[in-house]
Amino acid sequence: MARYTSSFIANAPLEQVPVLLTQVLESSDFGVVYQTNGYLMAKEIPGKVPFSKIVSVEILIENTVAKTNEVPVTFVVKNDELPLNTDNHCQQKFQQLQETLEQSQEWRSTSTVLG
């Protein structure tokens, strides 16, 4: 199973973070399938890749340590594909999501873990 993790700080009030996340996910071809106050799950829109390569994103909104305009958010991007190559589909979707977040003024990267 391919799995990639990153942490970001949302430079926005806690109430706006789910909206910002939905915008980022939709621009990266993910659809939100489950949402609570501190958690979002999204999946890649099917039809473009085989079922075993469909990527899901789990997002933890760390609302217990959130400050006025700084909300820590952790992303876990994964799929059922074995990461035999370093440039696999899950890695590509992870990179796409990372680039989208880094290009936005609302997000600041804090850490990334590949593997």
C-alpha atoms as a PDB file:
ATOM      1  CA  MET A   1       0.000   0.000   0.000  1.00  0.00           C
ATOM      2  CA  ALA A   2       1.406   3.373  -1.017  1.00  0.00           C
ATOM      3  CA  ARG A   3       1.129   6.021   1.690  1.00  0.00           C
ATOM      4  CA  TYR A   4       2.362   9.612   1.814  1.00  0.00           C
ATOM      5  CA  THR A   5       1.903  12.073   4.672  1.00  0.00           C
ATOM      6  CA  SER A   6       2.267  15.819   4.980  1.00  0.00           C
ATOM      7  CA  SER A   7       1.373  18.510   7.469  1.00  0.00           C
ATOM      8  CA  PHE A   8       0.274  22.039   6.717  1.00  0.00           C
ATOM      9  CA  ILE A   9      -0.915  25.085   8.613  1.00  0.00           C
ATOM     10  CA  ALA A  10      -4.098  26.696   7.312  1.00  0.00           C
ATOM     11  CA  ASN A  11      -3.825  30.475   7.608  1.00  0.00           C
ATOM     12  CA  ALA A  12      -7.545  30.898   8.161  1.00  0.00           C
ATOM     13  CA  PRO A  13     -10.148  30.693  10.932  1.00  0.00           C
ATOM     14  CA  LEU A  14     -11.134  27.157  11.959  1.00  0.00           C
ATOM     15  CA  GLU A  15     -14.632  27.544  10.486  1.00  0.00           C
ATOM     16  CA  GLN A  16     -13.215  28.226   7.003  1.00  0.00           C
ATOM     17  CA  VAL A  17     -10.785  25.283   6.896  1.00  0.00           C
ATOM     18  CA  PRO A  18     -13.296  22.655   5.620  1.00  0.00           C
ATOM     19  CA  VAL A  19     -14.313  24.998   2.790  1.00  0.00           C
ATOM     20  CA  LEU A  20     -10.678  25.619   1.849  1.00  0.00           C
ATOM     21  CA  LEU A  21      -9.963  21.894   1.962  1.00  0.00           C
ATOM     22  CA  THR A  22     -12.923  21.083  -0.274  1.00  0.00           C
ATOM     23  CA  GLN A  23     -11.719  23.643  -2.833  1.00  0.00           C
ATOM     24  CA  VAL A  24      -8.189  22.193  -2.840  1.00  0.00           C
ATOM     25  CA  LEU A  25      -9.461  18.618  -3.097  1.00  0.00           C
ATOM     26  CA  GLU A  26     -11.866  19.370  -5.936  1.00  0.00           C
ATOM     27  CA  SER A  27      -9.152  21.178  -7.903  1.00  0.00           C
ATOM     28  CA  SER A  28      -7.034  18.009  -7.603  1.00  0.00           C
ATOM     29  CA  ASP A  29      -9.857  15.697  -8.843  1.00  0.00           C
ATOM     30  CA  PHE A  30     -10.902  14.399  -5.418  1.00  0.00           C
ATOM     31  CA  GLY A  31     -14.449  14.259  -4.109  1.00  0.00           C
ATOM     32  CA  VAL A  32     -15.282  14.515  -0.399  1.00  0.00           C
ATOM     33  CA  VAL A  33     -17.022  11.317   0.748  1.00  0.00           C
ATOM     34  CA  TYR A  34     -17.105  11.884   4.520  1.00  0.00           C
ATOM     35  CA  GLN A  35     -16.757  14.924   6.757  1.00  0.00           C
ATOM     36  CA  THR A  36     -16.940  15.709  10.474  1.00  0.00           C
ATOM     37  CA  ASN A  37     -15.670  18.653  12.546  1.00  0.00           C
ATOM     38  CA  GLY A  38     -12.088  17.438  12.617  1.00  0.00           C
ATOM     39  CA  TYR A  39     -11.867  14.934   9.767  1.00  0.00           C
ATOM     40  CA  LEU A  40     -12.378  14.729   6.007  1.00  0.00           C
ATOM     41  CA  MET A  41     -12.077  11.777   3.679  1.00  0.00           C
ATOM     42  CA  ALA A  42     -11.903  12.205  -0.064  1.00  0.00           C
ATOM     43  CA  LYS A  43     -11.400   9.805  -2.968  1.00  0.00           C
ATOM     44  CA  GLU A  44     -10.118  10.278  -6.449  1.00  0.00           C
ATOM     45  CA  ILE A  45     -12.931  10.477  -8.954  1.00  0.00           C
ATOM     46  CA  PRO A  46     -13.182   6.998 -10.562  1.00  0.00           C
ATOM     47  CA  GLY A  47     -12.849   6.299 -14.259  1.00  0.00           C
ATOM     48  CA  LYS A  48      -9.356   7.578 -14.995  1.00  0.00           C
ATOM     49  CA  VAL A  49      -7.313   4.762 -13.434  1.00  0.00           C
ATOM     50  CA  PRO A  50      -7.848   1.098 -12.474  1.00  0.00           C
ATOM     51  CA  PHE A  51      -9.758   0.539  -9.229  1.00  0.00           C
ATOM     52  CA  SER A  52      -6.636  -0.614  -7.309  1.00  0.00           C
ATOM     53  CA  LYS A  53      -4.905   2.688  -8.095  1.00  0.00           C
ATOM     54  CA  ILE A  54      -7.713   4.980  -6.908  1.00  0.00           C
ATOM     55  CA  VAL A  55      -6.223   7.323  -4.323  1.00  0.00           C
ATOM     56  CA  SER A  56      -7.911   8.354  -1.092  1.00  0.00           C
ATOM     57  CA  VAL A  57      -7.013  11.280   1.149  1.00  0.00           C
ATOM     58  CA  GLU A  58      -7.616  11.340   4.879  1.00  0.00           C
ATOM     59  CA  ILE A  59      -7.362  14.760   6.482  1.00  0.00           C
ATOM     60  CA  LEU A  60      -7.141  15.452  10.192  1.00  0.00           C
ATOM     61  CA  ILE A  61      -8.029  19.008  11.191  1.00  0.00           C
ATOM     62  CA  GLU A  62      -6.334  19.498  14.541  1.00  0.00           C
ATOM     63  CA  ASN A  63      -8.979  21.791  16.022  1.00  0.00           C
ATOM     64  CA  THR A  64      -7.866  21.208  19.635  1.00  0.00           C
ATOM     65  CA  VAL A  65      -4.578  23.048  19.049  1.00  0.00           C
ATOM     66  CA  ALA A  66      -5.864  25.579  16.515  1.00  0.00           C
ATOM     67  CA  LYS A  67      -5.099  29.245  17.052  1.00  0.00           C
ATOM     68  CA  THR A  68      -7.087  32.206  15.715  1.00  0.00           C
ATOM     69  CA  ASN A  69      -5.765  32.027  12.139  1.00  0.00           C
ATOM     70  CA  GLU A  70      -3.491  28.985  12.313  1.00  0.00           C
ATOM     71  CA  VAL A  71      -5.034  25.534  12.066  1.00  0.00           C
ATOM     72  CA  PRO A  72      -2.737  22.481  11.805  1.00  0.00           C
ATOM     73  CA  VAL A  73      -3.891  19.970   9.194  1.00  0.00           C
ATOM     74  CA  THR A  74      -2.425  16.527   8.453  1.00  0.00           C
ATOM     75  CA  PHE A  75      -2.905  14.807   5.088  1.00  0.00           C
ATOM     76  CA  VAL A  76      -2.530  11.062   4.476  1.00  0.00           C
ATOM     77  CA  VAL A  77      -2.647  10.170   0.777  1.00  0.00           C
ATOM     78  CA  LYS A  78      -2.865   6.442   0.061  1.00  0.00           C
ATOM     79  CA  ASN A  79      -4.058   3.684  -2.240  1.00  0.00           C
ATOM     80  CA  ASP A  80      -3.857  -0.116  -2.586  1.00  0.00           C
ATOM     81  CA  GLU A  81      -1.071   0.040  -5.162  1.00  0.00           C
ATOM     82  CA  LEU A  82       2.272  -1.414  -4.112  1.00  0.00           C
ATOM     83  CA  PRO A  83       4.845   1.400  -4.339  1.00  0.00           C
ATOM     84  CA  LEU A  84       7.288  -0.645  -6.446  1.00  0.00           C
ATOM     85  CA  ASN A  85       8.312   2.472  -8.365  1.00  0.00           C
ATOM     86  CA  THR A  86       9.047   5.807  -6.737  1.00  0.00           C
ATOM     87  CA  ASP A  87       6.960   7.516  -9.422  1.00  0.00           C
ATOM     88  CA  ASN A  88       3.683   5.646  -8.901  1.00  0.00           C
ATOM     89  CA  HIS A  89       0.131   6.974  -9.300  1.00  0.00           C
ATOM     90  CA  CYS A  90      -0.307   7.650  -5.573  1.00  0.00           C
ATOM     91  CA  GLN A  91       2.968   9.603  -5.489  1.00  0.00           C
ATOM     92  CA  GLN A  92       1.840  11.644  -8.501  1.00  0.00           C
ATOM     93  CA  LYS A  93      -1.506  12.530  -6.867  1.00  0.00           C
ATOM     94  CA  PHE A  94       0.323  13.364  -3.627  1.00  0.00           C
ATOM     95  CA  GLN A  95       2.675  15.699  -5.507  1.00  0.00           C
ATOM     96  CA  GLN A  96      -0.280  17.320  -7.292  1.00  0.00           C
ATOM     97  CA  LEU A  97      -2.018  17.943  -3.969  1.00  0.00           C
ATOM     98  CA  GLN A  98       1.211  19.277  -2.414  1.00  0.00           C
ATOM     99  CA  GLU A  99       1.757  21.704  -5.291  1.00  0.00           C
ATOM    100  CA  THR A 100      -1.819  22.957  -5.099  1.00  0.00           C
ATOM    101  CA  LEU A 101      -1.467  23.601  -1.367  1.00  0.00           C
ATOM    102  CA  GLU A 102       1.954  25.239  -1.676  1.00  0.00           C
ATOM    103  CA  GLN A 103       0.733  27.615  -4.397  1.00  0.00           C
ATOM    104  CA  SER A 104      -2.081  28.860  -2.199  1.00  0.00           C
ATOM    105  CA  GLN A 105      -1.557  31.716   0.257  1.00  0.00           C
ATOM    106  CA  GLU A 106      -3.863  30.010   2.755  1.00  0.00           C
ATOM    107  CA  TRP A 107      -1.486  27.072   3.364  1.00  0.00           C
ATOM    108  CA  ARG A 108       1.999  26.706   4.820  1.00  0.00           C
ATOM    109  CA  SER A 109       3.884  23.387   4.736  1.00  0.00           C
ATOM    110  CA  THR A 110       5.366  22.067   7.984  1.00  0.00           C
ATOM    111  CA  SER A 111       6.484  18.528   7.093  1.00  0.00           C
ATOM    112  CA  THR A 112       6.304  15.775   4.481  1.00  0.00           C
ATOM    113  CA  VAL A 113       6.881  12.015   4.821  1.00  0.00           C
ATOM    114  CA  LEU A 114       7.186   9.792   1.767  1.00  0.00           C
ATOM    115  CA  GLY A 115       6.833   6.039   1.882  1.00  0.00           C
END
